[in-house]
PDB file of N, CA and C in Angstrom:
ATOM      1  N   MET A   1       0.855  -1.181   0.000  1.00  0.00           N
ATOM      2  CA  MET A   1       0.000   0.000   0.000  1.00  0.00           C
ATOM      3  C   MET A   1       0.894   1.234   0.000  1.00  0.00           C
ATOM      4  N   ASP A   2       0.581   2.201  -0.828  1.00  0.00           N
ATOM      5  CA  ASP A   2       1.338   3.436  -0.918  1.00  0.00           C
ATOM      6  C   ASP A   2       0.902   4.357   0.218  1.00  0.00           C
ATOM      7  N   ARG A   3       1.678   4.386   1.281  1.00  0.00           N
ATOM      8  CA  ARG A   3       1.300   5.149   2.472  1.00  0.00           C
ATOM      9  C   ARG A   3       1.340   6.657   2.249  1.00  0.00           C
ATOM     10  N   MET A   4       2.124   7.110   1.286  1.00  0.00           N
ATOM     11  CA  MET A   4       2.210   8.544   1.014  1.00  0.00           C
ATOM     12  C   MET A   4       0.897   9.068   0.415  1.00  0.00           C
ATOM     13  N   ASN A   5       0.213   8.244  -0.369  1.00  0.00           N
ATOM     14  CA  ASN A   5      -1.017   8.666  -1.031  1.00  0.00           C
ATOM     15  C   ASN A   5      -2.261   8.044  -0.402  1.00  0.00           C
ATOM     16  N   ALA A   6      -2.103   7.453   0.758  1.00  0.00           N
ATOM     17  CA  ALA A   6      -3.222   6.757   1.393  1.00  0.00           C
ATOM     18  C   ALA A   6      -4.315   7.730   1.806  1.00  0.00           C
ATOM     19  N   ARG A   7      -5.542   7.252   1.697  1.00  0.00           N
ATOM     20  CA  ARG A   7      -6.690   7.999   2.202  1.00  0.00           C
ATOM     21  C   ARG A   7      -7.129   7.308   3.485  1.00  0.00           C
ATOM     22  N   TRP A   8      -7.839   8.047   4.304  1.00  0.00           N
ATOM     23  CA  TRP A   8      -8.172   7.556   5.638  1.00  0.00           C
ATOM     24  C   TRP A   8      -9.667   7.359   5.792  1.00  0.00           C
ATOM     25  N   ILE A   9     -10.017   6.375   6.603  1.00  0.00           N
ATOM     26  CA  ILE A   9     -11.408   6.092   6.939  1.00  0.00           C
ATOM     27  C   ILE A   9     -11.541   6.086   8.457  1.00  0.00           C
ATOM     28  N   GLU A  10     -12.765   6.278   8.917  1.00  0.00           N
ATOM     29  CA  GLU A  10     -13.038   6.245  10.352  1.00  0.00           C
ATOM     30  C   GLU A  10     -13.678   4.907  10.703  1.00  0.00           C
ATOM     31  N   ILE A  11     -13.033   4.191  11.605  1.00  0.00           N
ATOM     32  CA  ILE A  11     -13.543   2.933  12.125  1.00  0.00           C
ATOM     33  C   ILE A  11     -14.130   3.229  13.497  1.00  0.00           C
ATOM     34  N   LYS A  12     -15.294   2.686  13.792  1.00  0.00           N
ATOM     35  CA  LYS A  12     -15.912   2.852  15.109  1.00  0.00           C
ATOM     36  C   LYS A  12     -16.081   1.481  15.735  1.00  0.00           C
ATOM     37  N   TYR A  13     -15.875   1.406  17.046  1.00  0.00           N
ATOM     38  CA  TYR A  13     -16.068   0.133  17.731  1.00  0.00           C
ATOM     39  C   TYR A  13     -16.504   0.363  19.165  1.00  0.00           C
ATOM     40  N   ALA A  14     -17.003  -0.703  19.768  1.00  0.00           N
ATOM     41  CA  ALA A  14     -17.413  -0.661  21.173  1.00  0.00           C
ATOM     42  C   ALA A  14     -17.097  -1.996  21.817  1.00  0.00           C
ATOM     43  N   CYS A  15     -16.847  -1.931  23.102  1.00  0.00           N
ATOM     44  CA  CYS A  15     -16.602  -3.119  23.921  1.00  0.00           C
ATOM     45  C   CYS A  15     -17.513  -3.009  25.145  1.00  0.00           C
ATOM     46  N   ASN A  16     -17.824  -4.111  25.739  1.00  0.00           N
ATOM     47  CA  ASN A  16     -18.673  -4.093  26.936  1.00  0.00           C
ATOM     48  C   ASN A  16     -18.045  -3.302  28.083  1.00  0.00           C
ATOM     49  N   CYS A  17     -16.725  -3.128  28.061  1.00  0.00           N
ATOM     50  CA  CYS A  17     -16.059  -2.386  29.135  1.00  0.00           C
ATOM     51  C   CYS A  17     -16.171  -0.874  28.950  1.00  0.00           C
ATOM     52  N   MET A  18     -16.681  -0.434  27.801  1.00  0.00           N
ATOM     53  CA  MET A  18     -16.731   0.992  27.484  1.00  0.00           C
ATOM     54  C   MET A  18     -18.147   1.527  27.610  1.00  0.00           C
ATOM     55  N   GLN A  19     -18.236   2.779  28.018  1.00  0.00           N
ATOM     56  CA  GLN A  19     -19.543   3.432  28.101  1.00  0.00           C
ATOM     57  C   GLN A  19     -20.042   3.839  26.729  1.00  0.00           C
ATOM     58  N   ASP A  20     -19.114   4.292  25.874  1.00  0.00           N
ATOM     59  CA  ASP A  20     -19.491   4.823  24.566  1.00  0.00           C
ATOM     60  C   ASP A  20     -18.668   4.184  23.455  1.00  0.00           C
ATOM     61  N   GLU A  21     -19.176   4.307  22.255  1.00  0.00           N
ATOM     62  CA  GLU A  21     -18.462   3.912  21.048  1.00  0.00           C
ATOM     63  C   GLU A  21     -17.244   4.832  20.878  1.00  0.00           C
ATOM     64  N   VAL A  22     -16.158   4.302  20.350  1.00  0.00           N
ATOM     65  CA  VAL A  22     -14.969   5.105  20.081  1.00  0.00           C
ATOM     66  C   VAL A  22     -14.603   4.995  18.604  1.00  0.00           C
ATOM     67  N   SER A  23     -13.806   5.929  18.136  1.00  0.00           N
ATOM     68  CA  SER A  23     -13.390   5.972  16.738  1.00  0.00           C
ATOM     69  C   SER A  23     -11.879   5.926  16.639  1.00  0.00           C
ATOM     70  N   LEU A  24     -11.419   5.411  15.521  1.00  0.00           N
ATOM     71  CA  LEU A  24     -10.007   5.492  15.198  1.00  0.00           C
ATOM     72  C   LEU A  24      -9.872   5.639  13.697  1.00  0.00           C
ATOM     73  N   GLN A  25      -8.794   6.250  13.275  1.00  0.00           N
ATOM     74  CA  GLN A  25      -8.522   6.452  11.855  1.00  0.00           C
ATOM     75  C   GLN A  25      -7.670   5.302  11.343  1.00  0.00           C
ATOM     76  N   SER A  26      -7.985   4.839  10.150  1.00  0.00           N
ATOM     77  CA  SER A  26      -7.231   3.764   9.525  1.00  0.00           C
ATOM     78  C   SER A  26      -7.086   4.068   8.043  1.00  0.00           C
ATOM     79  N   GLN A  27      -6.044   3.548   7.454  1.00  0.00           N
ATOM     80  CA  GLN A  27      -5.908   3.717   6.014  1.00  0.00           C
ATOM     81  C   GLN A  27      -6.967   2.882   5.323  1.00  0.00           C
ATOM     82  N   GLU A  28      -7.515   3.428   4.239  1.00  0.00           N
ATOM     83  CA  GLU A  28      -8.519   2.681   3.500  1.00  0.00           C
ATOM     84  C   GLU A  28      -7.903   1.402   2.937  1.00  0.00           C
ATOM     85  N   ARG A  29      -8.771   0.499   2.519  1.00  0.00           N
ATOM     86  CA  ARG A  29      -8.309  -0.753   1.916  1.00  0.00           C
ATOM     87  C   ARG A  29      -7.568  -0.432   0.635  1.00  0.00           C
ATOM     88  N   GLY A  30      -6.394  -1.042   0.478  1.00  0.00           N
ATOM     89  CA  GLY A  30      -5.587  -0.825  -0.712  1.00  0.00           C
ATOM     90  C   GLY A  30      -6.278  -1.334  -1.968  1.00  0.00           C
ATOM     91  N   LYS A  31      -5.938  -0.743  -3.078  1.00  0.00           N
ATOM     92  CA  LYS A  31      -6.581  -1.075  -4.359  1.00  0.00           C
ATOM     93  C   LYS A  31      -6.533  -2.568  -4.655  1.00  0.00           C
ATOM     94  N   HIS A  32      -5.432  -3.228  -4.297  1.00  0.00           N
ATOM     95  CA  HIS A  32      -5.278  -4.657  -4.574  1.00  0.00           C
ATOM     96  C   HIS A  32      -5.282  -5.491  -3.286  1.00  0.00           C
ATOM     97  N   GLU A  33      -5.644  -4.862  -2.166  1.00  0.00           N
ATOM     98  CA  GLU A  33      -5.673  -5.567  -0.877  1.00  0.00           C
ATOM     99  C   GLU A  33      -6.957  -6.398  -0.786  1.00  0.00           C
ATOM    100  N   ARG A  34      -6.789  -7.663  -0.474  1.00  0.00           N
ATOM    101  CA  ARG A  34      -7.953  -8.544  -0.319  1.00  0.00           C
ATOM    102  C   ARG A  34      -8.736  -8.136   0.930  1.00  0.00           C
ATOM    103  N   VAL A  35     -10.041  -8.362   0.898  1.00  0.00           N
ATOM    104  CA  VAL A  35     -10.898  -7.980   2.023  1.00  0.00           C
ATOM    105  C   VAL A  35     -10.461  -8.691   3.301  1.00  0.00           C
ATOM    106  N   ASP A  36     -10.114  -9.979   3.215  1.00  0.00           N
ATOM    107  CA  ASP A  36      -9.705 -10.694   4.433  1.00  0.00           C
ATOM    108  C   ASP A  36      -8.416 -10.119   5.009  1.00  0.00           C
ATOM    109  N   GLU A  37      -7.495  -9.682   4.156  1.00  0.00           N
ATOM    110  CA  GLU A  37      -6.258  -9.056   4.643  1.00  0.00           C
ATOM    111  C   GLU A  37      -6.565  -7.704   5.296  1.00  0.00           C
ATOM    112  N   PHE A  38      -7.481  -6.960   4.684  1.00  0.00           N
ATOM    113  CA  PHE A  38      -7.893  -5.672   5.231  1.00  0.00           C
ATOM    114  C   PHE A  38      -8.530  -5.852   6.609  1.00  0.00           C
ATOM    115  N   VAL A  39      -9.415  -6.827   6.738  1.00  0.00           N
ATOM    116  CA  VAL A  39     -10.084  -7.072   8.015  1.00  0.00           C
ATOM    117  C   VAL A  39      -9.072  -7.516   9.081  1.00  0.00           C
ATOM    118  N   GLU A  40      -8.110  -8.317   8.710  1.00  0.00           N
ATOM    119  CA  GLU A  40      -7.060  -8.721   9.665  1.00  0.00           C
ATOM    120  C   GLU A  40      -6.270  -7.501  10.134  1.00  0.00           C
ATOM    121  N   ARG A  41      -5.970  -6.597   9.219  1.00  0.00           N
ATOM    122  CA  ARG A  41      -5.236  -5.375   9.580  1.00  0.00           C
ATOM    123  C   ARG A  41      -6.074  -4.536  10.543  1.00  0.00           C
ATOM    124  N   LEU A  42      -7.376  -4.410  10.256  1.00  0.00           N
ATOM    125  CA  LEU A  42      -8.252  -3.655  11.155  1.00  0.00           C
ATOM    126  C   LEU A  42      -8.360  -4.319  12.517  1.00  0.00           C
ATOM    127  N   ARG A  43      -8.447  -5.651  12.515  1.00  0.00           N
ATOM    128  CA  ARG A  43      -8.521  -6.384  13.784  1.00  0.00           C
ATOM    129  C   ARG A  43      -7.331  -6.027  14.668  1.00  0.00           C
ATOM    130  N   ASP A  44      -6.153  -6.008  14.078  1.00  0.00           N
ATOM    131  CA  ASP A  44      -4.949  -5.677  14.845  1.00  0.00           C
ATOM    132  C   ASP A  44      -4.972  -4.231  15.333  1.00  0.00           C
ATOM    133  N   GLN A  45      -5.445  -3.311  14.485  1.00  0.00           N
ATOM    134  CA  GLN A  45      -5.521  -1.903  14.878  1.00  0.00           C
ATOM    135  C   GLN A  45      -6.529  -1.692  16.004  1.00  0.00           C
ATOM    136  N   VAL A  46      -7.695  -2.312  15.893  1.00  0.00           N
ATOM    137  CA  VAL A  46      -8.711  -2.182  16.939  1.00  0.00           C
ATOM    138  C   VAL A  46      -8.196  -2.793  18.240  1.00  0.00           C
ATOM    139  N   SER A  47      -7.568  -3.932  18.151  1.00  0.00           N
ATOM    140  CA  SER A  47      -7.028  -4.585  19.342  1.00  0.00           C
ATOM    141  C   SER A  47      -5.984  -3.702  20.034  1.00  0.00           C
ATOM    142  N   ASP A  48      -5.074  -3.142  19.257  1.00  0.00           N
ATOM    143  CA  ASP A  48      -4.041  -2.256  19.826  1.00  0.00           C
ATOM    144  C   ASP A  48      -4.665  -1.015  20.450  1.00  0.00           C
ATOM    145  N   ASP A  49      -5.621  -0.404  19.743  1.00  0.00           N
ATOM    146  CA  ASP A  49      -6.277   0.795  20.244  1.00  0.00           C
ATOM    147  C   ASP A  49      -7.036   0.490  21.542  1.00  0.00           C
ATOM    148  N   HIS A  50      -7.756  -0.616  21.549  1.00  0.00           N
ATOM    149  CA  HIS A  50      -8.528  -0.983  22.731  1.00  0.00           C
ATOM    150  C   HIS A  50      -7.615  -1.272  23.925  1.00  0.00           C
ATOM    151  N   GLN A  51      -6.505  -1.925  23.680  1.00  0.00           N
ATOM    152  CA  GLN A  51      -5.560  -2.226  24.759  1.00  0.00           C
ATOM    153  C   GLN A  51      -5.028  -0.937  25.383  1.00  0.00           C
ATOM    154  N   LYS A  52      -4.791   0.079  24.562  1.00  0.00           N
ATOM    155  CA  LYS A  52      -4.309   1.368  25.077  1.00  0.00           C
ATOM    156  C   LYS A  52      -5.394   2.092  25.867  1.00  0.00           C
ATOM    157  N   ARG A  53      -6.634   2.018  25.395  1.00  0.00           N
ATOM    158  CA  ARG A  53      -7.738   2.710  26.070  1.00  0.00           C
ATOM    159  C   ARG A  53      -8.206   1.981  27.333  1.00  0.00           C
ATOM    160  N   SER A  54      -8.166   0.656  27.287  1.00  0.00           N
ATOM    161  CA  SER A  54      -8.696  -0.155  28.393  1.00  0.00           C
ATOM    162  C   SER A  54      -7.720  -1.279  28.729  1.00  0.00           C
ATOM    163  N   PRO A  55      -6.573  -0.944  29.319  1.00  0.00           N
ATOM    164  CA  PRO A  55      -5.537  -1.953  29.558  1.00  0.00           C
ATOM    165  C   PRO A  55      -5.948  -3.100  30.488  1.00  0.00           C
ATOM    166  N   LEU A  56      -6.973  -2.912  31.281  1.00  0.00           N
ATOM    167  CA  LEU A  56      -7.394  -3.956  32.214  1.00  0.00           C
ATOM    168  C   LEU A  56      -8.492  -4.858  31.648  1.00  0.00           C
ATOM    169  N   CYS A  57      -9.020  -4.516  30.477  1.00  0.00           N
ATOM    170  CA  CYS A  57     -10.093  -5.309  29.877  1.00  0.00           C
ATOM    171  C   CYS A  57      -9.538  -6.637  29.375  1.00  0.00           C
ATOM    172  N   MET A  58     -10.240  -7.715  29.685  1.00  0.00           N
ATOM    173  CA  MET A  58      -9.809  -9.055  29.279  1.00  0.00           C
ATOM    174  C   MET A  58     -10.716  -9.657  28.200  1.00  0.00           C
ATOM    175  N   ALA A  59     -11.588  -8.839  27.617  1.00  0.00           N
ATOM    176  CA  ALA A  59     -12.495  -9.342  26.581  1.00  0.00           C
ATOM    177  C   ALA A  59     -11.711  -9.868  25.386  1.00  0.00           C
ATOM    178  N   ASP A  60     -12.220 -10.928  24.777  1.00  0.00           N
ATOM    179  CA  ASP A  60     -11.557 -11.469  23.588  1.00  0.00           C
ATOM    180  C   ASP A  60     -12.305 -11.109  22.306  1.00  0.00           C
ATOM    181  N   SER A  61     -13.336 -10.264  22.441  1.00  0.00           N
ATOM    182  CA  SER A  61     -14.050  -9.773  21.251  1.00  0.00           C
ATOM    183  C   SER A  61     -14.713  -8.436  21.597  1.00  0.00           C
ATOM    184  N   MET A  62     -14.978  -7.663  20.566  1.00  0.00           N
ATOM    185  CA  MET A  62     -15.653  -6.379  20.731  1.00  0.00           C
ATOM    186  C   MET A  62     -17.161  -6.591  20.586  1.00  0.00           C
ATOM    187  N   LYS A  63     -17.929  -5.653  21.104  1.00  0.00           N
ATOM    188  CA  LYS A  63     -19.382  -5.683  20.912  1.00  0.00           C
ATOM    189  C   LYS A  63     -19.692  -5.557  19.427  1.00  0.00           C
ATOM    190  N   TYR A  64     -19.021  -4.596  18.771  1.00  0.00           N
ATOM    191  CA  TYR A  64     -19.160  -4.417  17.325  1.00  0.00           C
ATOM    192  C   TYR A  64     -18.017  -3.566  16.805  1.00  0.00           C
ATOM    193  N   VAL A  65     -17.810  -3.653  15.509  1.00  0.00           N
ATOM    194  CA  VAL A  65     -16.871  -2.793  14.782  1.00  0.00           C
ATOM    195  C   VAL A  65     -17.603  -2.319  13.531  1.00  0.00           C
ATOM    196  N   LYS A  66     -17.592  -1.023  13.290  1.00  0.00           N
ATOM    197  CA  LYS A  66     -18.249  -0.446  12.114  1.00  0.00           C
ATOM    198  C   LYS A  66     -17.180  -0.045  11.100  1.00  0.00           C
ATOM    199  N   ILE A  67     -17.303  -0.603   9.903  1.00  0.00           N
ATOM    200  CA  ILE A  67     -16.368  -0.336   8.807  1.00  0.00           C
ATOM    201  C   ILE A  67     -17.159   0.337   7.695  1.00  0.00           C
ATOM    202  N   PRO A  68     -16.694   1.481   7.188  1.00  0.00           N
ATOM    203  CA  PRO A  68     -17.449   2.145   6.121  1.00  0.00           C
ATOM    204  C   PRO A  68     -17.477   1.329   4.832  1.00  0.00           C
ATOM    205  N   VAL A  69     -18.581   1.459   4.126  1.00  0.00           N
ATOM    206  CA  VAL A  69     -18.751   0.826   2.818  1.00  0.00           C
ATOM    207  C   VAL A  69     -19.061   1.944   1.829  1.00  0.00           C
ATOM    208  N   ALA A  70     -18.292   2.018   0.750  1.00  0.00           N
ATOM    209  CA  ALA A  70     -18.478   3.062  -0.256  1.00  0.00           C
ATOM    210  C   ALA A  70     -19.806   2.885  -0.985  1.00  0.00           C
ATOM    211  N   HIS A  71     -20.217   3.906  -1.674  1.00  0.00           N
ATOM    212  CA  HIS A  71     -21.488   3.883  -2.407  1.00  0.00           C
ATOM    213  C   HIS A  71     -21.559   2.743  -3.415  1.00  0.00           C
ATOM    214  N   ASP A  72     -20.419   2.358  -3.956  1.00  0.00           N
ATOM    215  CA  ASP A  72     -20.415   1.268  -4.938  1.00  0.00           C
ATOM    216  C   ASP A  72     -20.250  -0.092  -4.269  1.00  0.00           C
ATOM    217  N   GLY A  73     -20.273  -0.109  -2.923  1.00  0.00           N
ATOM    218  CA  GLY A  73     -20.205  -1.360  -2.192  1.00  0.00           C
ATOM    219  C   GLY A  73     -18.807  -1.810  -1.823  1.00  0.00           C
ATOM    220  N   ALA A  74     -17.785  -0.987  -2.106  1.00  0.00           N
ATOM    221  CA  ALA A  74     -16.412  -1.359  -1.773  1.00  0.00           C
ATOM    222  C   ALA A  74     -16.195  -1.215  -0.265  1.00  0.00           C
ATOM    223  N   ILE A  75     -15.806  -2.306   0.367  1.00  0.00           N
ATOM    224  CA  ILE A  75     -15.594  -2.318   1.815  1.00  0.00           C
ATOM    225  C   ILE A  75     -14.270  -1.637   2.150  1.00  0.00           C
ATOM    226  N   GLY A  76     -14.323  -0.711   3.124  1.00  0.00           N
ATOM    227  CA  GLY A  76     -13.123  -0.068   3.613  1.00  0.00           C
ATOM    228  C   GLY A  76     -12.551   0.971   2.692  1.00  0.00           C
ATOM    229  N   GLU A  77     -13.370   1.534   1.827  1.00  0.00           N
ATOM    230  CA  GLU A  77     -12.901   2.555   0.899  1.00  0.00           C
ATOM    231  C   GLU A  77     -13.385   3.907   1.361  1.00  0.00           C
ATOM    232  N   ALA A  78     -12.525   4.916   1.255  1.00  0.00           N
ATOM    233  CA  ALA A  78     -12.910   6.267   1.630  1.00  0.00           C
ATOM    234  C   ALA A  78     -14.067   6.727   0.761  1.00  0.00           C
ATOM    235  N   THR A  79     -14.916   7.583   1.304  1.00  0.00           N
ATOM    236  CA  THR A  79     -16.064   8.098   0.565  1.00  0.00           C
ATOM    237  C   THR A  79     -15.603   8.789  -0.704  1.00  0.00           C
ATOM    238  N   GLY A  80     -16.309   8.542  -1.769  1.00  0.00           N
ATOM    239  CA  GLY A  80     -15.973   9.202  -3.028  1.00  0.00           C
ATOM    240  C   GLY A  80     -15.340   8.264  -4.033  1.00  0.00           C
ATOM    241  N   GLY A  81     -15.069   7.019  -3.626  1.00  0.00           N
ATOM    242  CA  GLY A  81     -14.507   6.054  -4.565  1.00  0.00           C
ATOM    243  C   GLY A  81     -13.024   6.226  -4.762  1.00  0.00           C
ATOM    244  N   ARG A  82     -12.484   5.420  -5.610  1.00  0.00           N
ATOM    245  CA  ARG A  82     -11.044   5.433  -5.887  1.00  0.00           C
ATOM    246  C   ARG A  82     -10.703   6.491  -6.911  1.00  0.00           C
ATOM    247  N   ALA A  83      -9.523   7.048  -6.734  1.00  0.00           N
ATOM    248  CA  ALA A  83      -9.021   8.060  -7.681  1.00  0.00           C
ATOM    249  C   ALA A  83      -8.519   7.403  -8.941  1.00  0.00           C
TER     250      ALA A  83
END
């Protein structure tokens, strides 16, 4: 993925240990990145973010994770489609 030209998306998630949903910024799915690879990358980012926010939480899953879907149905793509 070309990190210099990357566009960003907002991921939202919640855990039972949290009062409110939280957001984090992630690079959109790469043009040739498979959806399963993208989801694995997000899983790691959410896990790292959650560990920093709630270091004492022992949950092994989140309540939910919201990933944006572009108008054309592309998962993890910034709004407006690909350039």
